[in-house]
């Protein structure tokens, strides 16, 4: 029996010649943020670990509550900064030229196909878009890995998703993943890997691939992955750390064997999919956008580690150009990183957003998790390009969050109610 991509990566990082149910494997990189990082540091120090496994392969990215919203979060950042200084950890990032970890780290070139990485954040699955086995872990596991450079893994089953057909206008990766989660449910891939494949994925740009993998955890997945190809390597060649150091021949072909074992194989004809929206209070509550006609909103959020990349902002700018957002709709744009912010500025997108009445925020996770810079009050309704719409996710437990693509979100901001992009003249 052949192996799938994730099994190959786990095996190559272990001392075993054959896969067993559990694997103790070397990791290539570990990271956390200003929420989970301090907990990992506390566990590290409680355990009395004397050193870190590799000061170049550990990163702390301060993104969730930064710029610091209060004294507690400022102290968390200081704790990580001091720990990094003490152990010589190179990759400590505060707000300077940084961003949301799942946007910033891959665009810098910290990961490459075939890597095994762990992060103390549930959306670590995002990086599977690069052909990386990328697992979210708890802060205690991360603390142990910071010391040892290793982690225990239960070898997960894999579901293969095949996307065929031609995408309809305004249908994006976000619509595909919302459709998929609505089909299999939020428990449809518990502790499994979602392997995305097919001709639609092969033609998808990296921004879209990151979006697909980012939301794998919303179906319960432990990880998500896409076979690396020329698109992957074209992206990696633009990153500061890998520029001039990588080409497709740098690595052996990484793909699932033809006789690899899958627990399920699911095929979709994307030509049947319309722009999709997930209603409160689960990402699986999805329906075509036309089913939500007349739903009025108080706030629109465009950004996050799901849809805060340049092509996401480009779509929003295309719809908002020359228009005004509804006067009673707070519209917040937050690019996923400093680089994306600068690119959007150079291309004139930021000016379009400001002229249309949007507020442009520095890169942060704040609005997505109801931390700061976009909290919803009781009874308020938001449309967001983020990844979760649980009860109280963006503020009051009596608020309501609808998930959508940037195109639907931008159209909604103009109309003041959930709107199909086709209805914006």
Foldseek 3Di string as FASTA:
>chain_A
DFAFQLLVLQCVQAPDPDDDQKTKGFAQAEEEELVQQLVLVVLLVVVVQDAFPDLARYAYEYFAQPVPPDDVSVVSLVVVVVVCVVHVRDHYYHAVQWFACLVGCVLQQSDAASGEYEYQDCLQLLVLLRNYNYFHDHSNQRSVCRRVSIGMDRDAFEEEEEEDADADPPDALLLVLLQVCLVQHQQNAAQHEYEYDYPVSVPHASLSSSLNFSQPCSSNYRHYHYFHDQNSQVSSCSHNVCNVPDDPVVDDRRGTDPPHDHPYYHYDHNHPTAFKKAWPAGSNNIDHLVVFPPAFAQEEEAEDSNGQAQVLLVLLLVLQAPAAFPPRYAYEYEHRGPVRVVVCVVVCSVVSCVVNPYHYDYHHSCQQQLNDDNADDAAGEYEYCHRGRHQQRRHHSNYIYMYGGSLQRSVCRRVRTRDGNVPRD
